[in-house]
Amino acid sequence: MATVLSVSGSPSASSRTGRLLRHLDQRLTAQGHEVIPLDVRTIPAEALLGADFRHPAIVEATALFARADGVVVGTPVYKASYSGVLKALLDLLPQYALTGKTVLPLATGGSTAHVLALDYALRPVLNSMGAAHIVQGWFTLDKDITAHEDGTVTVAPATAEALGQVVDQFSAALGRTPYLAAAS
């Protein structure tokens, strides 16, 4: 099947966003995809904030994006936008790093007031990076994600069902998106 890069844009090691992504990774793996997790918070701050394009962690992240057929981008919403660490990484990737790729944007937050962050903050950036197909994203309320001490999560039933449908649509789209070579 496809290679999927699952990117957590949370700066926190114990974030609900990261745990939710790893939970969804299991569904994609069960569908036959190779899933590669990437937690942006593990990239050294000096590389991200110093815009060190040659830092080994940035070079590796760039290679992971290039290798992927599809990308899941998950972020907590802060002040009506995606996280700063995610922004820092996206700024260091090549301009058209998402060319030919299917992308699933996901966000988590404490209030439904932030639901539009997906469409008004994250989606335009992903589009500008050349994504071939950005599937319908999903915003999950923090209260619908219960993180357990063993690292697992429980998702509220209605939210779990909706997320399952979104992930399944992304999975199906991976098989239909034609590769678009960068024009040059």
N, C-alpha and C. Protein backbone atom coordinates (compact mmCIF):
# COMPACT_ATOMS: atom_id res chain seq x y z
N MET A 1 0.84 -1.18 0.00
CA MET A 1 0.00 0.00 0.00
C MET A 1 0.89 1.24 0.00
N ALA A 2 0.49 2.27 0.73
CA ALA A 2 1.18 3.55 0.71
C ALA A 2 2.05 3.75 1.94
N THR A 3 3.00 4.66 1.81
CA THR A 3 3.81 5.10 2.94
C THR A 3 3.20 6.40 3.45
N VAL A 4 2.88 6.43 4.75
CA VAL A 4 2.24 7.58 5.36
C VAL A 4 3.16 8.16 6.43
N LEU A 5 3.42 9.46 6.33
CA LEU A 5 4.16 10.17 7.36
C LEU A 5 3.13 10.80 8.30
N SER A 6 3.21 10.46 9.57
CA SER A 6 2.25 10.94 10.56
C SER A 6 2.96 11.95 11.47
N VAL A 7 2.67 13.22 11.25
CA VAL A 7 3.40 14.32 11.87
C VAL A 7 2.62 14.93 13.03
N SER A 8 3.20 14.86 14.22
CA SER A 8 2.60 15.51 15.38
C SER A 8 3.29 16.85 15.58
N GLY A 9 2.51 17.92 15.49
CA GLY A 9 3.03 19.26 15.67
C GLY A 9 2.89 19.78 17.08
N SER A 10 2.76 18.89 18.04
CA SER A 10 2.63 19.32 19.44
C SER A 10 4.00 19.47 20.08
N PRO A 11 4.19 20.53 20.86
CA PRO A 11 5.47 20.70 21.57
C PRO A 11 5.56 19.86 22.85
N SER A 12 4.49 19.19 23.23
CA SER A 12 4.44 18.45 24.49
C SER A 12 4.60 16.94 24.30
N ALA A 13 5.41 16.34 25.13
CA ALA A 13 5.61 14.88 25.08
C ALA A 13 4.37 14.12 25.49
N SER A 14 3.53 14.71 26.31
CA SER A 14 2.33 14.02 26.79
C SER A 14 1.06 14.55 26.13
N SER A 15 1.19 15.10 24.95
CA SER A 15 0.05 15.75 24.30
C SER A 15 -1.02 14.78 23.85
N ARG A 16 -2.24 15.24 23.92
CA ARG A 16 -3.36 14.46 23.39
C ARG A 16 -3.24 14.35 21.87
N THR A 17 -2.75 15.40 21.25
CA THR A 17 -2.60 15.39 19.78
C THR A 17 -1.69 14.25 19.35
N GLY A 18 -0.52 14.17 19.96
CA GLY A 18 0.43 13.11 19.60
C GLY A 18 -0.13 11.73 19.87
N ARG A 19 -0.77 11.58 21.01
CA ARG A 19 -1.34 10.27 21.35
C ARG A 19 -2.49 9.91 20.40
N LEU A 20 -3.28 10.90 20.01
CA LEU A 20 -4.37 10.64 19.07
C LEU A 20 -3.80 10.21 17.72
N LEU A 21 -2.75 10.87 17.27
CA LEU A 21 -2.13 10.48 16.01
C LEU A 21 -1.60 9.06 16.06
N ARG A 22 -0.90 8.71 17.14
CA ARG A 22 -0.37 7.34 17.24
C ARG A 22 -1.51 6.32 17.27
N HIS A 23 -2.64 6.69 17.86
CA HIS A 23 -3.83 5.84 17.86
C HIS A 23 -4.35 5.65 16.42
N LEU A 24 -4.41 6.73 15.68
CA LEU A 24 -4.88 6.66 14.29
C LEU A 24 -3.88 5.95 13.39
N ASP A 25 -2.60 6.04 13.73
CA ASP A 25 -1.57 5.32 12.97
C ASP A 25 -1.87 3.82 12.97
N GLN A 26 -2.36 3.32 14.09
CA GLN A 26 -2.68 1.89 14.19
C GLN A 26 -3.75 1.50 13.17
N ARG A 27 -4.73 2.37 12.97
CA ARG A 27 -5.78 2.08 12.00
C ARG A 27 -5.21 2.04 10.58
N LEU A 28 -4.33 2.99 10.29
CA LEU A 28 -3.71 3.02 8.95
C LEU A 28 -2.81 1.80 8.74
N THR A 29 -2.08 1.41 9.77
CA THR A 29 -1.23 0.22 9.68
C THR A 29 -2.08 -1.02 9.45
N ALA A 30 -3.20 -1.11 10.15
CA ALA A 30 -4.11 -2.26 9.98
C ALA A 30 -4.68 -2.31 8.56
N GLN A 31 -4.73 -1.17 7.90
CA GLN A 31 -5.22 -1.13 6.52
C GLN A 31 -4.12 -1.43 5.50
N GLY A 32 -2.93 -1.73 6.00
CA GLY A 32 -1.84 -2.15 5.14
C GLY A 32 -0.83 -1.08 4.78
N HIS A 33 -0.96 0.11 5.34
CA HIS A 33 -0.02 1.19 5.03
C HIS A 33 1.20 1.11 5.93
N GLU A 34 2.32 1.55 5.42
CA GLU A 34 3.51 1.73 6.26
C GLU A 34 3.39 3.13 6.86
N VAL A 35 3.39 3.22 8.18
CA VAL A 35 3.24 4.51 8.85
C VAL A 35 4.54 4.87 9.56
N ILE A 36 5.02 6.06 9.28
CA ILE A 36 6.24 6.57 9.90
C ILE A 36 5.85 7.75 10.79
N PRO A 37 6.00 7.62 12.12
CA PRO A 37 5.66 8.73 13.01
C PRO A 37 6.80 9.75 13.08
N LEU A 38 6.41 11.02 13.13
CA LEU A 38 7.38 12.10 13.30
C LEU A 38 6.80 13.08 14.31
N ASP A 39 7.46 13.18 15.45
CA ASP A 39 7.07 14.15 16.47
C ASP A 39 8.00 15.35 16.31
N VAL A 40 7.46 16.47 15.85
CA VAL A 40 8.29 17.64 15.57
C VAL A 40 9.06 18.09 16.81
N ARG A 41 8.49 17.88 17.99
CA ARG A 41 9.15 18.30 19.23
C ARG A 41 10.48 17.61 19.45
N THR A 42 10.74 16.50 18.75
CA THR A 42 12.01 15.79 18.90
C THR A 42 13.12 16.38 18.04
N ILE A 43 12.77 17.27 17.13
CA ILE A 43 13.78 17.94 16.32
C ILE A 43 14.42 19.03 17.18
N PRO A 44 15.73 19.09 17.24
CA PRO A 44 16.39 20.08 18.10
C PRO A 44 15.91 21.50 17.82
N ALA A 45 15.65 22.23 18.90
CA ALA A 45 15.16 23.60 18.79
C ALA A 45 16.13 24.49 18.02
N GLU A 46 17.43 24.28 18.22
CA GLU A 46 18.39 25.12 17.51
C GLU A 46 18.31 24.93 16.00
N ALA A 47 17.94 23.75 15.56
CA ALA A 47 17.78 23.50 14.12
C ALA A 47 16.52 24.20 13.59
N LEU A 48 15.42 24.06 14.35
CA LEU A 48 14.16 24.68 13.93
C LEU A 48 14.23 26.21 13.99
N LEU A 49 14.65 26.74 15.12
CA LEU A 49 14.62 28.19 15.32
C LEU A 49 15.77 28.90 14.63
N GLY A 50 16.85 28.17 14.41
CA GLY A 50 18.00 28.75 13.71
C GLY A 50 17.92 28.56 12.21
N ALA A 51 16.83 27.96 11.73
CA ALA A 51 16.63 27.70 10.29
C ALA A 51 17.86 27.03 9.68
N ASP A 52 18.32 25.98 10.36
CA ASP A 52 19.50 25.25 9.93
C ASP A 52 19.09 24.13 8.96
N PHE A 53 18.99 24.48 7.69
CA PHE A 53 18.56 23.53 6.67
C PHE A 53 19.47 22.32 6.55
N ARG A 54 20.74 22.47 6.98
CA ARG A 54 21.70 21.38 6.86
C ARG A 54 21.80 20.52 8.10
N HIS A 55 21.06 20.87 9.15
CA HIS A 55 21.10 20.07 10.37
C HIS A 55 20.60 18.66 10.03
N PRO A 56 21.27 17.62 10.54
CA PRO A 56 20.87 16.25 10.21
C PRO A 56 19.39 15.95 10.48
N ALA A 57 18.81 16.52 11.53
CA ALA A 57 17.40 16.27 11.84
C ALA A 57 16.48 16.91 10.80
N ILE A 58 16.85 18.06 10.28
CA ILE A 58 16.06 18.72 9.24
C ILE A 58 16.21 17.97 7.92
N VAL A 59 17.42 17.54 7.62
CA VAL A 59 17.66 16.76 6.41
C VAL A 59 16.85 15.46 6.46
N GLU A 60 16.84 14.82 7.63
CA GLU A 60 16.07 13.58 7.79
C GLU A 60 14.57 13.82 7.65
N ALA A 61 14.06 14.87 8.28
CA ALA A 61 12.63 15.19 8.18
C ALA A 61 12.24 15.47 6.72
N THR A 62 13.09 16.20 6.02
CA THR A 62 12.83 16.50 4.61
C THR A 62 12.78 15.22 3.79
N ALA A 63 13.68 14.29 4.08
CA ALA A 63 13.70 13.00 3.38
C ALA A 63 12.43 12.20 3.68
N LEU A 64 11.95 12.26 4.93
CA LEU A 64 10.72 11.54 5.28
C LEU A 64 9.53 12.09 4.50
N PHE A 65 9.44 13.40 4.37
CA PHE A 65 8.36 13.99 3.59
C PHE A 65 8.47 13.56 2.12
N ALA A 66 9.68 13.55 1.59
CA ALA A 66 9.88 13.16 0.19
C ALA A 66 9.48 11.71 -0.04
N ARG A 67 9.75 10.85 0.92
CA ARG A 67 9.46 9.41 0.80
C ARG A 67 7.97 9.09 0.89
N ALA A 68 7.22 9.92 1.59
CA ALA A 68 5.81 9.61 1.88
C ALA A 68 4.91 9.79 0.67
N ASP A 69 3.91 8.91 0.60
CA ASP A 69 2.83 9.06 -0.39
C ASP A 69 1.73 9.94 0.17
N GLY A 70 1.56 9.86 1.49
CA GLY A 70 0.55 10.65 2.17
C GLY A 70 1.09 11.16 3.48
N VAL A 71 0.51 12.28 3.95
CA VAL A 71 0.96 12.89 5.19
C VAL A 71 -0.25 13.22 6.05
N VAL A 72 -0.20 12.77 7.30
CA VAL A 72 -1.19 13.17 8.29
C VAL A 72 -0.51 14.24 9.13
N VAL A 73 -1.13 15.41 9.22
CA VAL A 73 -0.56 16.51 10.00
C VAL A 73 -1.51 16.80 11.14
N GLY A 74 -1.04 16.58 12.37
CA GLY A 74 -1.86 16.84 13.55
C GLY A 74 -1.24 17.95 14.38
N THR A 75 -2.09 18.83 14.88
CA THR A 75 -1.60 19.94 15.68
C THR A 75 -2.60 20.34 16.74
N PRO A 76 -2.11 20.75 17.90
CA PRO A 76 -3.02 21.41 18.83
C PRO A 76 -3.26 22.83 18.29
N VAL A 77 -4.37 23.40 18.63
CA VAL A 77 -4.67 24.76 18.22
C VAL A 77 -4.35 25.70 19.37
N TYR A 78 -3.50 26.66 19.09
CA TYR A 78 -3.13 27.70 20.05
C TYR A 78 -3.46 29.05 19.42
N LYS A 79 -4.24 29.86 20.12
CA LYS A 79 -4.56 31.20 19.64
C LYS A 79 -5.07 31.17 18.19
N ALA A 80 -5.97 30.26 17.93
CA ALA A 80 -6.67 30.12 16.64
C ALA A 80 -5.76 29.73 15.48
N SER A 81 -4.64 29.08 15.76
CA SER A 81 -3.76 28.64 14.69
C SER A 81 -3.04 27.36 15.10
N TYR A 82 -2.32 26.79 14.14
CA TYR A 82 -1.55 25.59 14.42
C TYR A 82 -0.30 25.96 15.23
N SER A 83 0.38 24.96 15.76
CA SER A 83 1.49 25.20 16.69
C SER A 83 2.70 25.84 16.02
N GLY A 84 3.45 26.54 16.83
CA GLY A 84 4.67 27.19 16.35
C GLY A 84 5.74 26.21 15.91
N VAL A 85 5.88 25.07 16.62
CA VAL A 85 6.90 24.10 16.20
C VAL A 85 6.56 23.50 14.85
N LEU A 86 5.27 23.30 14.58
CA LEU A 86 4.87 22.81 13.26
C LEU A 86 5.18 23.86 12.21
N LYS A 87 4.87 25.11 12.49
CA LYS A 87 5.17 26.21 11.56
C LYS A 87 6.66 26.26 11.27
N ALA A 88 7.48 26.13 12.32
CA ALA A 88 8.93 26.17 12.13
C ALA A 88 9.40 25.06 11.19
N LEU A 89 8.87 23.86 11.36
CA LEU A 89 9.26 22.76 10.48
C LEU A 89 8.78 23.00 9.05
N LEU A 90 7.52 23.36 8.88
CA LEU A 90 6.99 23.58 7.54
C LEU A 90 7.78 24.66 6.80
N ASP A 91 8.24 25.67 7.53
CA ASP A 91 9.04 26.74 6.92
C ASP A 91 10.38 26.25 6.42
N LEU A 92 10.90 25.17 7.00
CA LEU A 92 12.21 24.66 6.60
C LEU A 92 12.15 23.60 5.50
N LEU A 93 10.96 23.14 5.19
CA LEU A 93 10.82 22.15 4.11
C LEU A 93 10.87 22.86 2.76
N PRO A 94 11.22 22.13 1.71
CA PRO A 94 11.18 22.74 0.38
C PRO A 94 9.78 23.28 0.07
N GLN A 95 9.72 24.33 -0.74
CA GLN A 95 8.46 25.00 -1.05
C GLN A 95 7.37 24.02 -1.48
N TYR A 96 7.72 23.03 -2.29
CA TYR A 96 6.71 22.10 -2.80
C TYR A 96 6.90 20.70 -2.23
N ALA A 97 7.17 20.62 -0.95
CA ALA A 97 7.43 19.35 -0.27
C ALA A 97 6.23 18.40 -0.29
N LEU A 98 5.03 18.94 -0.53
CA LEU A 98 3.84 18.08 -0.52
C LEU A 98 3.32 17.78 -1.93
N THR A 99 4.07 18.13 -2.94
CA THR A 99 3.66 17.87 -4.32
C THR A 99 3.40 16.38 -4.53
N GLY A 100 2.23 16.09 -5.07
CA GLY A 100 1.86 14.71 -5.36
C GLY A 100 1.38 13.91 -4.17
N LYS A 101 1.24 14.55 -3.02
CA LYS A 101 0.87 13.82 -1.81
C LYS A 101 -0.57 14.09 -1.40
N THR A 102 -1.17 13.09 -0.78
CA THR A 102 -2.48 13.24 -0.17
C THR A 102 -2.24 13.63 1.28
N VAL A 103 -2.97 14.62 1.77
CA VAL A 103 -2.73 15.15 3.11
C VAL A 103 -4.02 15.14 3.92
N LEU A 104 -3.91 14.70 5.16
CA LEU A 104 -5.01 14.72 6.12
C LEU A 104 -4.66 15.67 7.25
N PRO A 105 -5.32 16.84 7.34
CA PRO A 105 -5.07 17.75 8.45
C PRO A 105 -5.99 17.42 9.64
N LEU A 106 -5.39 17.36 10.83
CA LEU A 106 -6.14 17.11 12.05
C LEU A 106 -5.74 18.14 13.10
N ALA A 107 -6.68 18.50 13.95
CA ALA A 107 -6.36 19.45 15.02
C ALA A 107 -7.11 19.06 16.28
N THR A 108 -6.54 19.46 17.41
CA THR A 108 -7.19 19.27 18.70
C THR A 108 -7.22 20.61 19.41
N GLY A 109 -8.20 20.77 20.28
CA GLY A 109 -8.28 22.01 21.03
C GLY A 109 -9.36 21.95 22.09
N GLY A 110 -9.36 22.95 22.92
CA GLY A 110 -10.26 22.98 24.06
C GLY A 110 -11.63 23.53 23.79
N SER A 111 -11.84 24.13 22.63
CA SER A 111 -13.11 24.77 22.35
C SER A 111 -13.44 24.67 20.87
N THR A 112 -14.73 24.53 20.57
CA THR A 112 -15.16 24.50 19.17
C THR A 112 -14.91 25.84 18.49
N ALA A 113 -14.59 26.88 19.25
CA ALA A 113 -14.26 28.17 18.66
C ALA A 113 -13.02 28.07 17.77
N HIS A 114 -12.22 27.01 17.95
CA HIS A 114 -10.99 26.85 17.18
C HIS A 114 -11.13 25.95 15.96
N VAL A 115 -12.31 25.47 15.69
CA VAL A 115 -12.49 24.49 14.62
C VAL A 115 -12.08 25.04 13.25
N LEU A 116 -12.24 26.32 13.03
CA LEU A 116 -11.91 26.90 11.73
C LEU A 116 -10.40 27.02 11.50
N ALA A 117 -9.59 26.77 12.52
CA ALA A 117 -8.14 26.84 12.35
C ALA A 117 -7.66 25.88 11.26
N LEU A 118 -8.34 24.76 11.11
CA LEU A 118 -7.98 23.82 10.05
C LEU A 118 -8.10 24.45 8.67
N ASP A 119 -9.23 25.08 8.42
CA ASP A 119 -9.50 25.62 7.09
C ASP A 119 -8.87 26.98 6.83
N TYR A 120 -8.70 27.79 7.87
CA TYR A 120 -8.21 29.14 7.66
C TYR A 120 -6.75 29.34 8.01
N ALA A 121 -6.15 28.43 8.73
CA ALA A 121 -4.74 28.57 9.08
C ALA A 121 -3.89 27.46 8.45
N LEU A 122 -4.27 26.19 8.68
CA LEU A 122 -3.43 25.08 8.24
C LEU A 122 -3.60 24.72 6.76
N ARG A 123 -4.82 24.60 6.32
CA ARG A 123 -5.08 24.18 4.93
C ARG A 123 -4.39 25.07 3.89
N PRO A 124 -4.42 26.41 4.03
CA PRO A 124 -3.75 27.24 3.02
C PRO A 124 -2.23 26.98 2.94
N VAL A 125 -1.60 26.72 4.08
CA VAL A 125 -0.17 26.43 4.07
C VAL A 125 0.10 25.10 3.36
N LEU A 126 -0.70 24.09 3.69
CA LEU A 126 -0.53 22.78 3.05
C LEU A 126 -0.77 22.89 1.55
N ASN A 127 -1.74 23.67 1.16
CA ASN A 127 -2.03 23.88 -0.26
C ASN A 127 -0.86 24.58 -0.95
N SER A 128 -0.31 25.58 -0.30
CA SER A 128 0.81 26.33 -0.90
C SER A 128 2.05 25.46 -1.08
N MET A 129 2.11 24.35 -0.34
CA MET A 129 3.25 23.44 -0.44
C MET A 129 3.03 22.36 -1.49
N GLY A 130 1.96 22.51 -2.28
CA GLY A 130 1.76 21.66 -3.44
C GLY A 130 1.01 20.37 -3.22
N ALA A 131 0.32 20.21 -2.09
CA ALA A 131 -0.42 18.97 -1.85
C ALA A 131 -1.34 18.66 -3.02
N ALA A 132 -1.30 17.42 -3.49
CA ALA A 132 -2.15 17.02 -4.60
C ALA A 132 -3.61 16.95 -4.19
N HIS A 133 -3.84 16.52 -2.95
CA HIS A 133 -5.21 16.35 -2.47
C HIS A 133 -5.20 16.50 -0.95
N ILE A 134 -5.90 17.49 -0.47
CA ILE A 134 -6.07 17.65 0.97
C ILE A 134 -7.47 17.17 1.29
N VAL A 135 -7.56 16.03 1.96
CA VAL A 135 -8.86 15.46 2.28
C VAL A 135 -9.50 16.24 3.42
N GLN A 136 -10.77 15.97 3.64
CA GLN A 136 -11.48 16.61 4.74
C GLN A 136 -10.75 16.35 6.04
N GLY A 137 -10.45 17.43 6.76
CA GLY A 137 -9.77 17.31 8.04
C GLY A 137 -10.76 17.11 9.16
N TRP A 138 -10.24 17.06 10.38
CA TRP A 138 -11.11 16.86 11.54
C TRP A 138 -10.53 17.57 12.75
N PHE A 139 -11.41 18.23 13.50
CA PHE A 139 -11.05 18.89 14.75
C PHE A 139 -11.65 18.07 15.88
N THR A 140 -10.82 17.73 16.85
CA THR A 140 -11.26 16.94 18.00
C THR A 140 -11.10 17.76 19.27
N LEU A 141 -12.16 17.80 20.04
CA LEU A 141 -12.10 18.49 21.33
C LEU A 141 -11.24 17.70 22.30
N ASP A 142 -10.44 18.43 23.09
CA ASP A 142 -9.59 17.78 24.09
C ASP A 142 -10.39 16.87 25.01
N LYS A 143 -11.60 17.29 25.36
CA LYS A 143 -12.41 16.52 26.30
C LYS A 143 -12.83 15.16 25.73
N ASP A 144 -12.73 14.99 24.43
CA ASP A 144 -13.09 13.73 23.79
C ASP A 144 -11.93 12.74 23.69
N ILE A 145 -10.76 13.15 24.20
CA ILE A 145 -9.57 12.30 24.18
C ILE A 145 -9.12 12.07 25.62
N THR A 146 -9.11 10.81 26.02
CA THR A 146 -8.63 10.47 27.36
C THR A 146 -7.31 9.74 27.20
N ALA A 147 -6.25 10.35 27.73
CA ALA A 147 -4.93 9.74 27.68
C ALA A 147 -4.71 8.90 28.93
N HIS A 148 -4.22 7.69 28.73
CA HIS A 148 -3.96 6.77 29.83
C HIS A 148 -2.46 6.72 30.12
N GLU A 149 -2.10 6.30 31.33
CA GLU A 149 -0.70 6.26 31.74
C GLU A 149 0.15 5.36 30.87
N ASP A 150 -0.43 4.33 30.27
CA ASP A 150 0.34 3.41 29.43
C ASP A 150 0.57 3.95 28.02
N GLY A 151 0.14 5.19 27.76
CA GLY A 151 0.35 5.80 26.45
C GLY A 151 -0.81 5.63 25.49
N THR A 152 -1.78 4.80 25.84
CA THR A 152 -2.93 4.61 24.97
C THR A 152 -3.94 5.73 25.18
N VAL A 153 -4.89 5.80 24.28
CA VAL A 153 -5.96 6.79 24.41
C VAL A 153 -7.30 6.12 24.20
N THR A 154 -8.30 6.74 24.78
CA THR A 154 -9.68 6.37 24.53
C THR A 154 -10.33 7.61 23.93
N VAL A 155 -11.03 7.41 22.84
CA VAL A 155 -11.70 8.52 22.16
C VAL A 155 -13.19 8.34 22.35
N ALA A 156 -13.88 9.44 22.66
CA ALA A 156 -15.33 9.40 22.85
C ALA A 156 -15.97 8.72 21.63
N PRO A 157 -16.99 7.87 21.84
CA PRO A 157 -17.55 7.07 20.75
C PRO A 157 -17.94 7.84 19.48
N ALA A 158 -18.66 8.93 19.61
CA ALA A 158 -19.07 9.68 18.41
C ALA A 158 -17.87 10.26 17.68
N THR A 159 -16.90 10.73 18.44
CA THR A 159 -15.68 11.28 17.84
C THR A 159 -14.87 10.17 17.19
N ALA A 160 -14.77 9.03 17.84
CA ALA A 160 -14.03 7.90 17.29
C ALA A 160 -14.63 7.46 15.96
N GLU A 161 -15.94 7.44 15.89
CA GLU A 161 -16.60 7.05 14.65
C GLU A 161 -16.29 8.05 13.53
N ALA A 162 -16.40 9.34 13.84
CA ALA A 162 -16.12 10.37 12.84
C ALA A 162 -14.66 10.33 12.40
N LEU A 163 -13.74 10.19 13.35
CA LEU A 163 -12.32 10.10 13.01
C LEU A 163 -12.04 8.86 12.15
N GLY A 164 -12.68 7.77 12.48
CA GLY A 164 -12.52 6.56 11.68
C GLY A 164 -12.92 6.78 10.24
N GLN A 165 -14.02 7.48 10.03
CA GLN A 165 -14.47 7.77 8.66
C GLN A 165 -13.48 8.67 7.93
N VAL A 166 -12.97 9.68 8.63
CA VAL A 166 -12.01 10.61 8.03
C VAL A 166 -10.72 9.86 7.65
N VAL A 167 -10.24 9.03 8.55
CA VAL A 167 -9.02 8.26 8.28
C VAL A 167 -9.26 7.27 7.13
N ASP A 168 -10.42 6.64 7.09
CA ASP A 168 -10.73 5.71 6.01
C ASP A 168 -10.81 6.44 4.66
N GLN A 169 -11.35 7.65 4.65
CA GLN A 169 -11.40 8.45 3.41
C GLN A 169 -9.99 8.81 2.95
N PHE A 170 -9.14 9.17 3.91
CA PHE A 170 -7.74 9.46 3.59
C PHE A 170 -7.07 8.22 3.01
N SER A 171 -7.28 7.09 3.65
CA SER A 171 -6.69 5.83 3.19
C SER A 171 -7.14 5.51 1.77
N ALA A 172 -8.42 5.67 1.50
CA ALA A 172 -8.94 5.41 0.16
C ALA A 172 -8.35 6.38 -0.86
N ALA A 173 -8.20 7.64 -0.46
CA ALA A 173 -7.66 8.66 -1.36
C ALA A 173 -6.20 8.39 -1.71
N LEU A 174 -5.47 7.73 -0.82
CA LEU A 174 -4.07 7.41 -1.09
C LEU A 174 -3.95 6.54 -2.34
N GLY A 175 -4.92 5.70 -2.55
CA GLY A 175 -4.88 4.82 -3.70
C GLY A 175 -5.32 5.47 -5.00
N ARG A 176 -5.96 6.63 -4.90
CA ARG A 176 -6.51 7.28 -6.10
C ARG A 176 -5.73 8.51 -6.55
N THR A 177 -4.85 9.04 -5.71
CA THR A 177 -4.17 10.27 -6.06
C THR A 177 -3.02 10.00 -7.02
N PRO A 178 -3.09 10.57 -8.21
CA PRO A 178 -1.98 10.37 -9.15
C PRO A 178 -0.77 11.15 -8.70
N TYR A 179 0.40 10.63 -8.99
CA TYR A 179 1.63 11.33 -8.64
C TYR A 179 1.80 12.50 -9.61
N LEU A 180 2.03 13.66 -9.08
CA LEU A 180 2.27 14.85 -9.90
C LEU A 180 3.71 15.25 -9.73
N ALA A 181 4.51 15.06 -10.74
CA ALA A 181 5.93 15.41 -10.65
C ALA A 181 6.08 16.93 -10.62
N ALA A 182 7.04 17.38 -9.87
CA ALA A 182 7.30 18.81 -9.80
C ALA A 182 7.74 19.31 -11.17
N ALA A 183 7.16 20.38 -11.60
CA ALA A 183 7.48 20.95 -12.92
C ALA A 183 8.81 21.69 -12.83
N SER A 184 9.78 21.15 -13.51
CA SER A 184 11.07 21.86 -13.63
C SER A 184 11.97 21.18 -14.63
